[in-house]
Amino acid sequence: MLLDQDWQGFKRSLATYTRIPLNIDWDSPKKHTPSVCFLPWVGVIVAMVSAWPLLFSGWSPEFQALLMIVSAVLLTGAFHEDGLMDAADGLVGGWTAEQRLTIMKDSRVGSYGVLAGIFCFAIKWWLLSQWITKSLWQDGILFVLLGWITVHVCARWLPLGIMTFLDYVSLGHSKAKSMISDFTLRGYAWIALSMLFVIVLIGVNAWFSVVLMLAVTGVCVGLYLVRRINGYNGDTLGASEQIAELLVLFTLLGWQA
């Protein structure tokens, strides 16, 4: 019975945070584990599917990295990237908390958002290219894949941490609010299990470095969001996930050096 609740929660999470077509009865009264708790496990699926360019060993690491990033973006429907660009426009362009939230609800993208998207994509492409090059030279294709999975799992811990410690803020009705639910003990267990999974992938020492880096980043991001909008919203969660992807890749490269 509990496993069925977990499965229902995972399917809802997969349907919410990716473009994978699933037949979900959103009005079903059946109990399910909060879908947001499976966000790290959705990262596993995204990473494994988007890693297909690694099968073509004749391609350059730069081209493989480009296709892997584009594949991940297409698979998630640019869910997190959209949040990054909207958050950049609002947080930087607004003068008051209300104005910043209003800008983030605007479907148009401004100059701050465009610049944030370009820089994030460029830095991620460079870091991933370096990861593929060094990993193929030292440890092989499997190590590249394990690192890519680690990036997508760990990066999703940061928004979960923000949701745990900050308040949700919005102007009027928000679609993102419907995707966010309170965590349960069983939901926390699935998040903890994803942490154990990463330890298996990269080892305790590298895992500790990643967690420490994310914890420090989480405190900094949390303080910044409280100061700018008194909490978090869906766009800032997407932005935090993108920032975390860059930092996890950078940390893994530091361990590999």
C-alpha atoms as a PDB file:
ATOM      1  CA  MET A   1       0.000   0.000   0.000  1.00  0.00           C
ATOM      2  CA  LEU A   2       2.749   2.443   0.942  1.00  0.00           C
ATOM      3  CA  LEU A   3       4.761   1.479  -2.129  1.00  0.00           C
ATOM      4  CA  ASP A   4       1.737   2.261  -4.281  1.00  0.00           C
ATOM      5  CA  GLN A   5       1.568   5.724  -2.682  1.00  0.00           C
ATOM      6  CA  ASP A   6       5.252   6.178  -3.478  1.00  0.00           C
ATOM      7  CA  TRP A   7       4.713   5.085  -7.064  1.00  0.00           C
ATOM      8  CA  GLN A   8       1.809   7.485  -7.492  1.00  0.00           C
ATOM      9  CA  GLY A   9       3.905  10.315  -6.073  1.00  0.00           C
ATOM     10  CA  PHE A  10       6.834   9.496  -8.350  1.00  0.00           C
ATOM     11  CA  LYS A  11       4.620   9.433 -11.445  1.00  0.00           C
ATOM     12  CA  ARG A  12       3.150  12.800 -10.526  1.00  0.00           C
ATOM     13  CA  SER A  13       6.627  14.193 -10.032  1.00  0.00           C
ATOM     14  CA  LEU A  14       7.793  12.825 -13.374  1.00  0.00           C
ATOM     15  CA  ALA A  15       4.754  14.277 -15.145  1.00  0.00           C
ATOM     16  CA  THR A  16       5.201  17.657 -13.445  1.00  0.00           C
ATOM     17  CA  TYR A  17       8.930  18.182 -13.873  1.00  0.00           C
ATOM     18  CA  THR A  18       9.495  16.548 -17.270  1.00  0.00           C
ATOM     19  CA  ARG A  19       7.778  16.322 -20.638  1.00  0.00           C
ATOM     20  CA  ILE A  20       7.482  12.530 -20.425  1.00  0.00           C
ATOM     21  CA  PRO A  21       3.870  11.737 -21.362  1.00  0.00           C
ATOM     22  CA  LEU A  22       2.131   9.913 -18.506  1.00  0.00           C
ATOM     23  CA  ASN A  23      -1.536   9.218 -17.923  1.00  0.00           C
ATOM     24  CA  ILE A  24      -2.157  10.809 -14.521  1.00  0.00           C
ATOM     25  CA  ASP A  25      -5.539  11.180 -12.856  1.00  0.00           C
ATOM     26  CA  TRP A  26      -4.861  14.448 -11.060  1.00  0.00           C
ATOM     27  CA  ASP A  27      -8.288  14.395  -9.366  1.00  0.00           C
ATOM     28  CA  SER A  28      -7.870  10.889  -7.983  1.00  0.00           C
ATOM     29  CA  PRO A  29      -8.607  10.661  -4.228  1.00  0.00           C
ATOM     30  CA  LYS A  30      -5.893   8.008  -3.817  1.00  0.00           C
ATOM     31  CA  LYS A  31      -3.225   8.983  -1.321  1.00  0.00           C
ATOM     32  CA  HIS A  32       0.281   9.571  -2.623  1.00  0.00           C
ATOM     33  CA  THR A  33       3.645  10.554  -1.242  1.00  0.00           C
ATOM     34  CA  PRO A  34       4.293  14.280  -1.956  1.00  0.00           C
ATOM     35  CA  SER A  35       5.527  14.377  -5.530  1.00  0.00           C
ATOM     36  CA  VAL A  36       8.128  17.071  -4.874  1.00  0.00           C
ATOM     37  CA  CYS A  37      10.041  14.628  -2.630  1.00  0.00           C
ATOM     38  CA  PHE A  38      10.889  12.580  -5.718  1.00  0.00           C
ATOM     39  CA  LEU A  39      12.526  15.517  -7.469  1.00  0.00           C
ATOM     40  CA  PRO A  40      16.065  14.047  -7.034  1.00  0.00           C
ATOM     41  CA  TRP A  41      14.892  10.763  -8.545  1.00  0.00           C
ATOM     42  CA  VAL A  42      13.436  12.629 -11.506  1.00  0.00           C
ATOM     43  CA  GLY A  43      16.974  13.957 -11.888  1.00  0.00           C
ATOM     44  CA  VAL A  44      18.201  10.374 -12.298  1.00  0.00           C
ATOM     45  CA  ILE A  45      15.813   9.853 -15.222  1.00  0.00           C
ATOM     46  CA  VAL A  46      16.725  13.184 -16.824  1.00  0.00           C
ATOM     47  CA  ALA A  47      20.447  12.460 -16.551  1.00  0.00           C
ATOM     48  CA  MET A  48      20.261   8.929 -17.918  1.00  0.00           C
ATOM     49  CA  VAL A  49      18.070   9.842 -20.887  1.00  0.00           C
ATOM     50  CA  SER A  50      20.079  12.960 -21.776  1.00  0.00           C
ATOM     51  CA  ALA A  51      23.386  11.050 -21.601  1.00  0.00           C
ATOM     52  CA  TRP A  52      22.765   9.330 -24.955  1.00  0.00           C
ATOM     53  CA  PRO A  53      25.521  11.353 -26.777  1.00  0.00           C
ATOM     54  CA  LEU A  54      28.109   9.466 -24.691  1.00  0.00           C
ATOM     55  CA  LEU A  55      27.324   6.383 -26.781  1.00  0.00           C
ATOM     56  CA  PHE A  56      29.013   8.023 -29.765  1.00  0.00           C
ATOM     57  CA  SER A  57      32.680   7.888 -28.830  1.00  0.00           C
ATOM     58  CA  GLY A  58      33.745   9.512 -32.106  1.00  0.00           C
ATOM     59  CA  TRP A  59      32.118  12.810 -31.191  1.00  0.00           C
ATOM     60  CA  SER A  60      34.176  15.476 -29.458  1.00  0.00           C
ATOM     61  CA  PRO A  61      33.565  16.108 -25.729  1.00  0.00           C
ATOM     62  CA  GLU A  62      32.398  19.634 -26.548  1.00  0.00           C
ATOM     63  CA  PHE A  63      29.748  18.352 -28.960  1.00  0.00           C
ATOM     64  CA  GLN A  64      28.673  15.615 -26.554  1.00  0.00           C
ATOM     65  CA  ALA A  65      28.320  18.178 -23.740  1.00  0.00           C
ATOM     66  CA  LEU A  66      26.248  20.464 -25.941  1.00  0.00           C
ATOM     67  CA  LEU A  67      23.833  17.695 -26.920  1.00  0.00           C
ATOM     68  CA  MET A  68      23.560  16.409 -23.344  1.00  0.00           C
ATOM     69  CA  ILE A  69      22.590  19.842 -22.041  1.00  0.00           C
ATOM     70  CA  VAL A  70      20.131  20.470 -24.881  1.00  0.00           C
ATOM     71  CA  SER A  71      18.583  17.022 -24.353  1.00  0.00           C
ATOM     72  CA  ALA A  72      18.106  17.703 -20.645  1.00  0.00           C
ATOM     73  CA  VAL A  73      16.493  21.064 -21.429  1.00  0.00           C
ATOM     74  CA  LEU A  74      14.096  19.479 -23.932  1.00  0.00           C
ATOM     75  CA  LEU A  75      13.249  16.638 -21.554  1.00  0.00           C
ATOM     76  CA  THR A  76      12.334  19.015 -18.734  1.00  0.00           C
ATOM     77  CA  GLY A  77      10.699  21.560 -21.019  1.00  0.00           C
ATOM     78  CA  ALA A  78      13.226  24.172 -19.842  1.00  0.00           C
ATOM     79  CA  PHE A  79      11.377  24.076 -16.519  1.00  0.00           C
ATOM     80  CA  HIS A  80      14.329  25.206 -14.396  1.00  0.00           C
ATOM     81  CA  GLU A  81      15.893  27.440 -17.048  1.00  0.00           C
ATOM     82  CA  ASP A  82      12.651  29.391 -17.343  1.00  0.00           C
ATOM     83  CA  GLY A  83      12.701  29.934 -13.591  1.00  0.00           C
ATOM     84  CA  LEU A  84      16.293  31.140 -13.740  1.00  0.00           C
ATOM     85  CA  MET A  85      15.531  33.759 -16.377  1.00  0.00           C
ATOM     86  CA  ASP A  86      12.341  34.988 -14.709  1.00  0.00           C
ATOM     87  CA  ALA A  87      14.066  35.148 -11.324  1.00  0.00           C
ATOM     88  CA  ALA A  88      16.976  37.124 -12.773  1.00  0.00           C
ATOM     89  CA  ASP A  89      14.597  39.652 -14.302  1.00  0.00           C
ATOM     90  CA  GLY A  90      12.591  40.061 -11.115  1.00  0.00           C
ATOM     91  CA  LEU A  91      15.252  39.929  -8.444  1.00  0.00           C
ATOM     92  CA  VAL A  92      17.631  42.259 -10.259  1.00  0.00           C
ATOM     93  CA  GLY A  93      15.176  44.487 -12.091  1.00  0.00           C
ATOM     94  CA  GLY A  94      12.633  45.182  -9.357  1.00  0.00           C
ATOM     95  CA  TRP A  95      12.911  47.827  -6.655  1.00  0.00           C
ATOM     96  CA  THR A  96      10.436  46.385  -4.122  1.00  0.00           C
ATOM     97  CA  ALA A  97       9.393  42.857  -3.181  1.00  0.00           C
ATOM     98  CA  GLU A  98       5.987  43.349  -4.802  1.00  0.00           C
ATOM     99  CA  GLN A  99       7.525  44.721  -7.990  1.00  0.00           C
ATOM    100  CA  ARG A 100      10.000  41.828  -8.186  1.00  0.00           C
ATOM    101  CA  LEU A 101       7.208  39.267  -7.851  1.00  0.00           C
ATOM    102  CA  THR A 102       5.168  41.111 -10.488  1.00  0.00           C
ATOM    103  CA  ILE A 103       8.083  41.042 -12.949  1.00  0.00           C
ATOM    104  CA  MET A 104       8.570  37.324 -12.362  1.00  0.00           C
ATOM    105  CA  LYS A 105       4.937  36.655 -13.266  1.00  0.00           C
ATOM    106  CA  ASP A 106       5.398  38.453 -16.601  1.00  0.00           C
ATOM    107  CA  SER A 107       5.742  35.937 -19.453  1.00  0.00           C
ATOM    108  CA  ARG A 108       8.172  38.213 -21.280  1.00  0.00           C
ATOM    109  CA  VAL A 109      11.924  37.828 -20.761  1.00  0.00           C
ATOM    110  CA  GLY A 110      14.071  40.885 -20.131  1.00  0.00           C
ATOM    111  CA  SER A 111      17.757  41.594 -20.583  1.00  0.00           C
ATOM    112  CA  TYR A 112      18.742  40.260 -17.147  1.00  0.00           C
ATOM    113  CA  GLY A 113      16.978  37.000 -17.869  1.00  0.00           C
ATOM    114  CA  VAL A 114      18.589  36.606 -21.273  1.00  0.00           C
ATOM    115  CA  LEU A 115      22.046  37.276 -19.861  1.00  0.00           C
ATOM    116  CA  ALA A 116      21.495  34.840 -16.976  1.00  0.00           C
ATOM    117  CA  GLY A 117      20.387  32.135 -19.413  1.00  0.00           C
ATOM    118  CA  ILE A 118      23.315  32.677 -21.775  1.00  0.00           C
ATOM    119  CA  PHE A 119      25.949  32.738 -19.035  1.00  0.00           C
ATOM    120  CA  CYS A 120      24.478  29.714 -17.251  1.00  0.00           C
ATOM    121  CA  PHE A 121      24.365  27.666 -20.454  1.00  0.00           C
ATOM    122  CA  ALA A 122      27.882  28.689 -21.467  1.00  0.00           C
ATOM    123  CA  ILE A 123      29.428  27.935 -18.081  1.00  0.00           C
ATOM    124  CA  LYS A 124      27.601  24.623 -17.794  1.00  0.00           C
ATOM    125  CA  TRP A 125      28.736  23.626 -21.288  1.00  0.00           C
ATOM    126  CA  TRP A 126      32.357  24.437 -20.455  1.00  0.00           C
ATOM    127  CA  LEU A 127      32.288  22.588 -17.118  1.00  0.00           C
ATOM    128  CA  LEU A 128      30.604  19.526 -18.620  1.00  0.00           C
ATOM    129  CA  SER A 129      33.051  19.505 -21.531  1.00  0.00           C
ATOM    130  CA  GLN A 130      35.915  19.495 -19.036  1.00  0.00           C
ATOM    131  CA  TRP A 131      34.253  16.737 -17.023  1.00  0.00           C
ATOM    132  CA  ILE A 132      33.807  14.536 -20.091  1.00  0.00           C
ATOM    133  CA  THR A 133      37.364  15.153 -21.286  1.00  0.00           C
ATOM    134  CA  LYS A 134      39.024  14.415 -17.950  1.00  0.00           C
ATOM    135  CA  SER A 135      36.761  11.477 -17.065  1.00  0.00           C
ATOM    136  CA  LEU A 136      37.182   9.741 -20.416  1.00  0.00           C
ATOM    137  CA  TRP A 137      40.940  10.144 -20.146  1.00  0.00           C
ATOM    138  CA  GLN A 138      41.176   8.923 -16.550  1.00  0.00           C
ATOM    139  CA  ASP A 139      38.223   6.639 -15.750  1.00  0.00           C
ATOM    140  CA  GLY A 140      36.068   5.996 -18.823  1.00  0.00           C
ATOM    141  CA  ILE A 141      32.520   6.596 -19.999  1.00  0.00           C
ATOM    142  CA  LEU A 142      30.843   5.066 -16.933  1.00  0.00           C
ATOM    143  CA  PHE A 143      32.465   7.669 -14.702  1.00  0.00           C
ATOM    144  CA  VAL A 144      31.159  10.430 -16.979  1.00  0.00           C
ATOM    145  CA  LEU A 145      27.642   9.053 -16.615  1.00  0.00           C
ATOM    146  CA  LEU A 146      27.904   8.723 -12.828  1.00  0.00           C
ATOM    147  CA  GLY A 147      29.018  12.344 -12.597  1.00  0.00           C
ATOM    148  CA  TRP A 148      26.166  13.531 -14.824  1.00  0.00           C
ATOM    149  CA  ILE A 149      23.642  11.641 -12.686  1.00  0.00           C
ATOM    150  CA  THR A 150      25.201  13.121  -9.552  1.00  0.00           C
ATOM    151  CA  VAL A 151      24.807  16.632 -10.949  1.00  0.00           C
ATOM    152  CA  HIS A 152      21.100  16.201 -11.659  1.00  0.00           C
ATOM    153  CA  VAL A 153      20.332  14.510  -8.347  1.00  0.00           C
ATOM    154  CA  CYS A 154      22.310  16.853  -6.095  1.00  0.00           C
ATOM    155  CA  ALA A 155      21.215  20.036  -7.877  1.00  0.00           C
ATOM    156  CA  ARG A 156      17.618  19.248  -6.927  1.00  0.00           C
ATOM    157  CA  TRP A 157      18.473  19.110  -3.226  1.00  0.00           C
ATOM    158  CA  LEU A 158      18.993  22.867  -3.093  1.00  0.00           C
ATOM    159  CA  PRO A 159      15.406  23.854  -4.017  1.00  0.00           C
ATOM    160  CA  LEU A 160      14.123  21.206  -1.593  1.00  0.00           C
ATOM    161  CA  GLY A 161      16.167  22.803   1.173  1.00  0.00           C
ATOM    162  CA  ILE A 162      14.844  26.252   0.293  1.00  0.00           C
ATOM    163  CA  MET A 163      11.286  24.928   0.404  1.00  0.00           C
ATOM    164  CA  THR A 164      11.929  23.438   3.838  1.00  0.00           C
ATOM    165  CA  PHE A 165      13.231  26.579   5.539  1.00  0.00           C
ATOM    166  CA  LEU A 166      11.596  29.510   3.727  1.00  0.00           C
ATOM    167  CA  ASP A 167       8.003  30.636   3.212  1.00  0.00           C
ATOM    168  CA  TYR A 168       6.284  30.566  -0.155  1.00  0.00           C
ATOM    169  CA  VAL A 169       5.377  34.012  -1.498  1.00  0.00           C
ATOM    170  CA  SER A 170       3.251  35.008  -4.479  1.00  0.00           C
ATOM    171  CA  LEU A 171       0.945  37.675  -5.859  1.00  0.00           C
ATOM    172  CA  GLY A 172      -2.520  36.197  -6.259  1.00  0.00           C
ATOM    173  CA  HIS A 173      -3.030  32.739  -7.719  1.00  0.00           C
ATOM    174  CA  SER A 174       0.118  30.824  -8.564  1.00  0.00           C
ATOM    175  CA  LYS A 175       0.371  27.662 -10.660  1.00  0.00           C
ATOM    176  CA  ALA A 176       3.623  26.761  -8.924  1.00  0.00           C
ATOM    177  CA  LYS A 177       1.884  26.702  -5.536  1.00  0.00           C
ATOM    178  CA  SER A 178      -0.219  23.739  -6.629  1.00  0.00           C
ATOM    179  CA  MET A 179       2.973  21.776  -7.323  1.00  0.00           C
ATOM    180  CA  ILE A 180       4.309  22.375  -3.820  1.00  0.00           C
ATOM    181  CA  SER A 181       3.077  20.352  -0.865  1.00  0.00           C
ATOM    182  CA  ASP A 182       4.199  19.808   2.680  1.00  0.00           C
ATOM    183  CA  PHE A 183       6.867  17.182   3.189  1.00  0.00           C
ATOM    184  CA  THR A 184       6.040  13.971   5.038  1.00  0.00           C
ATOM    185  CA  LEU A 185       8.310  11.651   6.980  1.00  0.00           C
ATOM    186  CA  ARG A 186       8.170   9.173   4.114  1.00  0.00           C
ATOM    187  CA  GLY A 187       8.977  11.956   1.660  1.00  0.00           C
ATOM    188  CA  TYR A 188      12.045  12.899   3.677  1.00  0.00           C
ATOM    189  CA  ALA A 189      13.057   9.233   3.614  1.00  0.00           C
ATOM    190  CA  TRP A 190      13.068   9.245  -0.205  1.00  0.00           C
ATOM    191  CA  ILE A 191      15.204  12.398  -0.201  1.00  0.00           C
ATOM    192  CA  ALA A 192      17.616  10.779   2.256  1.00  0.00           C
ATOM    193  CA  LEU A 193      17.706   7.671   0.075  1.00  0.00           C
ATOM    194  CA  SER A 194      18.790   9.815  -2.879  1.00  0.00           C
ATOM    195  CA  MET A 195      21.698  11.042  -0.746  1.00  0.00           C
ATOM    196  CA  LEU A 196      22.763   7.474  -0.005  1.00  0.00           C
ATOM    197  CA  PHE A 197      22.477   6.756  -3.715  1.00  0.00           C
ATOM    198  CA  VAL A 198      24.935   9.553  -4.511  1.00  0.00           C
ATOM    199  CA  ILE A 199      27.378   8.225  -1.907  1.00  0.00           C
ATOM    200  CA  VAL A 200      27.377   4.938  -3.829  1.00  0.00           C
ATOM    201  CA  LEU A 201      28.057   6.829  -7.063  1.00  0.00           C
ATOM    202  CA  ILE A 202      30.914   9.111  -6.017  1.00  0.00           C
ATOM    203  CA  GLY A 203      32.038   8.043  -2.533  1.00  0.00           C
ATOM    204  CA  VAL A 204      31.714   9.613   0.902  1.00  0.00           C
ATOM    205  CA  ASN A 205      34.442  12.261   0.587  1.00  0.00           C
ATOM    206  CA  ALA A 206      33.211  13.744  -2.686  1.00  0.00           C
ATOM    207  CA  TRP A 207      29.619  13.526  -1.414  1.00  0.00           C
ATOM    208  CA  PHE A 208      30.543  15.471   1.715  1.00  0.00           C
ATOM    209  CA  SER A 209      32.182  18.196  -0.373  1.00  0.00           C
ATOM    210  CA  VAL A 210      29.076  18.506  -2.552  1.00  0.00           C
ATOM    211  CA  VAL A 211      26.731  18.630   0.448  1.00  0.00           C
ATOM    212  CA  LEU A 212      28.890  21.225   2.219  1.00  0.00           C
ATOM    213  CA  MET A 213      29.000  23.376  -0.902  1.00  0.00           C
ATOM    214  CA  LEU A 214      25.213  23.125  -1.323  1.00  0.00           C
ATOM    215  CA  ALA A 215      24.624  23.924   2.344  1.00  0.00           C
ATOM    216  CA  VAL A 216      26.725  27.090   2.182  1.00  0.00           C
ATOM    217  CA  THR A 217      25.063  28.081  -1.093  1.00  0.00           C
ATOM    218  CA  GLY A 218      21.642  27.371   0.386  1.00  0.00           C
ATOM    219  CA  VAL A 219      22.277  29.711   3.320  1.00  0.00           C
ATOM    220  CA  CYS A 220      23.494  32.479   0.983  1.00  0.00           C
ATOM    221  CA  VAL A 221      20.599  32.035  -1.447  1.00  0.00           C
ATOM    222  CA  GLY A 222      18.088  31.840   1.396  1.00  0.00           C
ATOM    223  CA  LEU A 223      19.306  35.069   2.997  1.00  0.00           C
ATOM    224  CA  TYR A 224      19.262  36.802  -0.387  1.00  0.00           C
ATOM    225  CA  LEU A 225      15.695  35.665  -1.151  1.00  0.00           C
ATOM    226  CA  VAL A 226      14.411  36.715   2.262  1.00  0.00           C
ATOM    227  CA  ARG A 227      15.926  40.134   1.717  1.00  0.00           C
ATOM    228  CA  ARG A 228      14.572  40.526  -1.811  1.00  0.00           C
ATOM    229  CA  ILE A 229      11.099  38.907  -1.707  1.00  0.00           C
ATOM    230  CA  ASN A 230      10.653  37.642   1.891  1.00  0.00           C
ATOM    231  CA  GLY A 231      10.682  33.996   0.809  1.00  0.00           C
ATOM    232  CA  TYR A 232      10.708  31.892  -2.336  1.00  0.00           C
ATOM    233  CA  ASN A 233       8.506  31.181  -5.337  1.00  0.00           C
ATOM    234  CA  GLY A 234       8.590  28.732  -8.220  1.00  0.00           C
ATOM    235  CA  ASP A 235      10.950  30.826 -10.330  1.00  0.00           C
ATOM    236  CA  THR A 236      13.546  31.124  -7.584  1.00  0.00           C
ATOM    237  CA  LEU A 237      13.413  27.359  -7.042  1.00  0.00           C
ATOM    238  CA  GLY A 238      14.238  26.849 -10.725  1.00  0.00           C
ATOM    239  CA  ALA A 239      17.035  29.379 -10.479  1.00  0.00           C
ATOM    240  CA  SER A 240      18.506  27.636  -7.441  1.00  0.00           C
ATOM    241  CA  GLU A 241      18.511  24.310  -9.284  1.00  0.00           C
ATOM    242  CA  GLN A 242      20.451  25.812 -12.181  1.00  0.00           C
ATOM    243  CA  ILE A 243      22.975  27.445  -9.857  1.00  0.00           C
ATOM    244  CA  ALA A 244      23.398  24.131  -8.058  1.00  0.00           C
ATOM    245  CA  GLU A 245      24.096  22.281 -11.316  1.00  0.00           C
ATOM    246  CA  LEU A 246      27.027  24.590 -12.006  1.00  0.00           C
ATOM    247  CA  LEU A 247      28.390  24.298  -8.484  1.00  0.00           C
ATOM    248  CA  VAL A 248      28.109  20.501  -8.347  1.00  0.00           C
ATOM    249  CA  LEU A 249      29.934  20.186 -11.667  1.00  0.00           C
ATOM    250  CA  PHE A 250      32.627  22.570 -10.410  1.00  0.00           C
ATOM    251  CA  THR A 251      33.001  20.583  -7.184  1.00  0.00           C
ATOM    252  CA  LEU A 252      33.296  17.268  -9.019  1.00  0.00           C
ATOM    253  CA  LEU A 253      35.950  18.728 -11.284  1.00  0.00           C
ATOM    254  CA  GLY A 254      37.870  19.859  -8.229  1.00  0.00           C
ATOM    255  CA  TRP A 255      37.862  16.326  -6.875  1.00  0.00           C
ATOM    256  CA  GLN A 256      38.969  14.918 -10.200  1.00  0.00           C
ATOM    257  CA  ALA A 257      41.879  17.353 -10.593  1.00  0.00           C
END
